[in-house]
Amino acid sequence: MEWTQQFVNKNMTQSANPLTEDTTWIDNMTTPVTPTTNPELWYQWYAVLKEDAPEIMDQFVENTAAKMELTVDYFVAEFLPNE
């Protein structure tokens, strides 16, 4: 069997919203995921992080509270009362 070289002429087009250093996939989300905007998904993430990555739980809770413009203490009391 002999290898042959093949040339493919494809024109690369810029996507409608390309990812660059200035934008990321998270910028394309219209609503942040919080216990009020998407409770099912947020509590699933919370459960996974609690089990698999407890060292980043504080940061996750702080970031979520900041997205909701709440203090961490209020957020924990309101959305994580059993913790």
N, C-alpha and C. Protein backbone atom coordinates (compact mmCIF):
# COMPACT_ATOMS: atom_id res chain seq x y z
N MET A 1 0.85 -1.17 0.00
CA MET A 1 0.00 0.00 0.00
C MET A 1 0.90 1.23 0.00
N GLU A 2 0.55 2.15 -0.81
CA GLU A 2 1.34 3.36 -0.94
C GLU A 2 0.54 4.56 -0.43
N TRP A 3 1.19 5.41 0.36
CA TRP A 3 0.53 6.62 0.88
C TRP A 3 0.56 7.69 -0.18
N THR A 4 -0.56 8.34 -0.35
CA THR A 4 -0.60 9.46 -1.29
C THR A 4 -1.00 10.71 -0.53
N GLN A 5 -0.50 11.81 -0.99
CA GLN A 5 -0.80 13.07 -0.34
C GLN A 5 -2.06 13.65 -0.95
N GLN A 6 -2.96 14.13 -0.08
CA GLN A 6 -4.18 14.75 -0.57
C GLN A 6 -4.27 16.14 0.01
N PHE A 7 -4.70 17.05 -0.81
CA PHE A 7 -4.85 18.43 -0.36
C PHE A 7 -6.33 18.75 -0.24
N VAL A 8 -6.68 19.36 0.84
CA VAL A 8 -8.06 19.76 1.05
C VAL A 8 -8.09 21.28 1.08
N ASN A 9 -8.89 21.84 0.25
CA ASN A 9 -8.99 23.29 0.19
C ASN A 9 -10.27 23.71 0.91
N LYS A 10 -10.13 24.09 2.15
CA LYS A 10 -11.28 24.54 2.93
C LYS A 10 -11.06 25.97 3.34
N ASN A 11 -12.02 26.78 3.08
CA ASN A 11 -11.93 28.16 3.52
C ASN A 11 -12.44 28.25 4.96
N MET A 12 -11.63 28.75 5.83
CA MET A 12 -12.02 28.90 7.23
C MET A 12 -12.82 30.18 7.36
N THR A 13 -14.00 30.05 7.88
CA THR A 13 -14.84 31.23 8.09
C THR A 13 -14.93 31.52 9.58
N GLN A 14 -15.09 32.77 9.88
CA GLN A 14 -15.21 33.18 11.27
C GLN A 14 -16.61 32.87 11.75
N SER A 15 -16.72 32.26 12.92
CA SER A 15 -18.05 31.95 13.45
C SER A 15 -18.73 33.24 13.90
N ALA A 16 -20.01 33.15 14.15
CA ALA A 16 -20.78 34.33 14.54
C ALA A 16 -20.31 34.92 15.85
N ASN A 17 -19.86 34.06 16.76
CA ASN A 17 -19.40 34.54 18.06
C ASN A 17 -18.17 33.74 18.45
N PRO A 18 -17.02 34.07 17.87
CA PRO A 18 -15.84 33.25 18.12
C PRO A 18 -15.32 33.37 19.54
N LEU A 19 -14.69 32.32 20.02
CA LEU A 19 -14.05 32.37 21.32
C LEU A 19 -12.67 32.97 21.14
N THR A 20 -12.37 33.95 21.93
CA THR A 20 -11.06 34.59 21.89
C THR A 20 -10.58 34.74 23.32
N GLU A 21 -9.47 35.41 23.48
CA GLU A 21 -9.00 35.66 24.84
C GLU A 21 -9.96 36.56 25.61
N ASP A 22 -10.73 37.37 24.86
CA ASP A 22 -11.65 38.31 25.50
C ASP A 22 -13.03 37.71 25.78
N THR A 23 -13.38 36.64 25.09
CA THR A 23 -14.69 36.02 25.31
C THR A 23 -14.50 34.54 25.57
N THR A 24 -15.37 33.99 26.33
CA THR A 24 -15.35 32.56 26.61
C THR A 24 -16.76 32.02 26.45
N TRP A 25 -16.92 30.72 26.56
CA TRP A 25 -18.25 30.12 26.42
C TRP A 25 -19.18 30.63 27.51
N ILE A 26 -18.63 30.98 28.66
CA ILE A 26 -19.47 31.46 29.76
C ILE A 26 -20.10 32.81 29.42
N ASP A 27 -19.42 33.60 28.57
CA ASP A 27 -19.98 34.89 28.15
C ASP A 27 -21.23 34.70 27.31
N ASN A 28 -21.38 33.53 26.71
CA ASN A 28 -22.54 33.28 25.87
C ASN A 28 -23.77 32.85 26.65
N MET A 29 -23.61 32.61 27.94
CA MET A 29 -24.76 32.25 28.76
C MET A 29 -25.57 33.51 29.04
N THR A 30 -26.86 33.44 28.86
CA THR A 30 -27.69 34.63 29.05
C THR A 30 -28.04 34.85 30.51
N THR A 31 -28.19 33.79 31.28
CA THR A 31 -28.56 33.91 32.68
C THR A 31 -27.61 33.07 33.52
N PRO A 32 -27.05 33.65 34.59
CA PRO A 32 -26.18 32.82 35.44
C PRO A 32 -26.99 31.73 36.14
N VAL A 33 -26.35 30.61 36.36
CA VAL A 33 -27.02 29.50 37.05
C VAL A 33 -26.92 29.74 38.54
N THR A 34 -28.06 29.91 39.17
CA THR A 34 -28.16 30.12 40.62
C THR A 34 -29.33 29.29 41.13
N PRO A 35 -29.49 29.19 42.45
CA PRO A 35 -30.64 28.45 42.97
C PRO A 35 -31.99 29.05 42.58
N THR A 36 -32.02 30.32 42.19
CA THR A 36 -33.30 30.91 41.79
C THR A 36 -33.53 30.81 40.28
N THR A 37 -32.47 30.86 39.47
CA THR A 37 -32.66 30.82 38.01
C THR A 37 -32.76 29.40 37.47
N ASN A 38 -32.01 28.48 38.06
CA ASN A 38 -32.03 27.08 37.61
C ASN A 38 -31.70 26.19 38.81
N PRO A 39 -32.66 26.04 39.72
CA PRO A 39 -32.37 25.32 40.97
C PRO A 39 -31.93 23.88 40.77
N GLU A 40 -32.52 23.17 39.83
CA GLU A 40 -32.16 21.76 39.63
C GLU A 40 -30.69 21.63 39.26
N LEU A 41 -30.24 22.42 38.29
CA LEU A 41 -28.85 22.35 37.85
C LEU A 41 -27.90 22.84 38.94
N TRP A 42 -28.24 23.94 39.61
CA TRP A 42 -27.34 24.48 40.63
C TRP A 42 -27.14 23.47 41.77
N TYR A 43 -28.23 22.88 42.26
CA TYR A 43 -28.10 21.92 43.37
C TYR A 43 -27.39 20.64 42.92
N GLN A 44 -27.51 20.28 41.64
CA GLN A 44 -26.73 19.14 41.13
C GLN A 44 -25.24 19.48 41.16
N TRP A 45 -24.88 20.68 40.69
CA TRP A 45 -23.48 21.10 40.75
C TRP A 45 -23.00 21.11 42.19
N TYR A 46 -23.84 21.64 43.08
CA TYR A 46 -23.47 21.72 44.49
C TYR A 46 -23.18 20.32 45.05
N ALA A 47 -24.04 19.37 44.77
CA ALA A 47 -23.86 18.00 45.27
C ALA A 47 -22.58 17.38 44.72
N VAL A 48 -22.31 17.58 43.44
CA VAL A 48 -21.09 17.02 42.84
C VAL A 48 -19.86 17.64 43.47
N LEU A 49 -19.84 18.96 43.60
CA LEU A 49 -18.68 19.63 44.19
C LEU A 49 -18.49 19.23 45.65
N LYS A 50 -19.58 19.13 46.37
CA LYS A 50 -19.49 18.74 47.78
C LYS A 50 -18.86 17.36 47.93
N GLU A 51 -19.19 16.47 47.03
CA GLU A 51 -18.67 15.10 47.07
C GLU A 51 -17.26 15.00 46.51
N ASP A 52 -17.05 15.62 45.34
CA ASP A 52 -15.80 15.39 44.60
C ASP A 52 -14.74 16.49 44.75
N ALA A 53 -15.15 17.68 45.14
CA ALA A 53 -14.18 18.78 45.22
C ALA A 53 -14.51 19.71 46.39
N PRO A 54 -14.52 19.19 47.61
CA PRO A 54 -14.92 20.03 48.75
C PRO A 54 -13.99 21.22 48.97
N GLU A 55 -12.77 21.15 48.43
CA GLU A 55 -11.84 22.26 48.63
C GLU A 55 -12.25 23.53 47.89
N ILE A 56 -13.15 23.42 46.90
CA ILE A 56 -13.59 24.63 46.20
C ILE A 56 -15.03 25.02 46.52
N MET A 57 -15.63 24.36 47.51
CA MET A 57 -17.02 24.67 47.87
C MET A 57 -17.19 26.11 48.33
N ASP A 58 -16.28 26.61 49.15
CA ASP A 58 -16.41 27.98 49.63
C ASP A 58 -16.41 28.97 48.46
N GLN A 59 -15.53 28.77 47.51
CA GLN A 59 -15.45 29.67 46.35
C GLN A 59 -16.72 29.58 45.52
N PHE A 60 -17.26 28.37 45.35
CA PHE A 60 -18.50 28.18 44.60
C PHE A 60 -19.65 28.93 45.25
N VAL A 61 -19.77 28.81 46.56
CA VAL A 61 -20.85 29.49 47.29
C VAL A 61 -20.64 31.01 47.23
N GLU A 62 -19.41 31.47 47.41
CA GLU A 62 -19.13 32.91 47.34
C GLU A 62 -19.45 33.47 45.95
N ASN A 63 -19.07 32.76 44.92
CA ASN A 63 -19.35 33.22 43.55
C ASN A 63 -20.84 33.27 43.28
N THR A 64 -21.56 32.28 43.74
CA THR A 64 -23.01 32.26 43.53
C THR A 64 -23.67 33.41 44.28
N ALA A 65 -23.26 33.64 45.51
CA ALA A 65 -23.81 34.76 46.28
C ALA A 65 -23.53 36.08 45.58
N ALA A 66 -22.33 36.23 45.04
CA ALA A 66 -21.98 37.46 44.32
C ALA A 66 -22.84 37.64 43.07
N LYS A 67 -23.09 36.55 42.34
CA LYS A 67 -23.95 36.64 41.15
C LYS A 67 -25.35 37.11 41.53
N MET A 68 -25.81 36.69 42.70
CA MET A 68 -27.15 37.04 43.15
C MET A 68 -27.16 38.36 43.93
N GLU A 69 -25.99 38.96 44.08
CA GLU A 69 -25.84 40.21 44.82
C GLU A 69 -26.36 40.08 46.25
N LEU A 70 -25.95 38.97 46.90
CA LEU A 70 -26.31 38.69 48.29
C LEU A 70 -25.04 38.52 49.10
N THR A 71 -25.16 38.71 50.41
CA THR A 71 -24.03 38.37 51.26
C THR A 71 -23.95 36.85 51.37
N VAL A 72 -22.78 36.35 51.63
CA VAL A 72 -22.60 34.90 51.75
C VAL A 72 -23.42 34.37 52.92
N ASP A 73 -23.42 35.07 54.03
CA ASP A 73 -24.19 34.61 55.19
C ASP A 73 -25.68 34.49 54.87
N TYR A 74 -26.23 35.50 54.21
CA TYR A 74 -27.64 35.45 53.84
C TYR A 74 -27.90 34.32 52.85
N PHE A 75 -27.02 34.18 51.86
CA PHE A 75 -27.18 33.12 50.87
C PHE A 75 -27.21 31.75 51.52
N VAL A 76 -26.26 31.51 52.42
CA VAL A 76 -26.18 30.20 53.09
C VAL A 76 -27.44 29.97 53.92
N ALA A 77 -27.89 30.99 54.65
CA ALA A 77 -29.08 30.83 55.49
C ALA A 77 -30.35 30.59 54.66
N GLU A 78 -30.43 31.25 53.50
CA GLU A 78 -31.62 31.16 52.67
C GLU A 78 -31.65 29.92 51.78
N PHE A 79 -30.51 29.57 51.17
CA PHE A 79 -30.50 28.51 50.17
C PHE A 79 -29.82 27.23 50.62
N LEU A 80 -29.08 27.27 51.70
CA LEU A 80 -28.42 26.07 52.23
C LEU A 80 -28.68 25.94 53.74
N PRO A 81 -29.94 25.91 54.13
CA PRO A 81 -30.25 25.96 55.57
C PRO A 81 -29.80 24.73 56.35
N ASN A 82 -29.61 23.60 55.68
CA ASN A 82 -29.24 22.36 56.39
C ASN A 82 -27.74 22.13 56.42
N GLU A 83 -26.97 23.08 55.96
CA GLU A 83 -25.51 22.91 55.91
C GLU A 83 -24.87 23.43 57.17
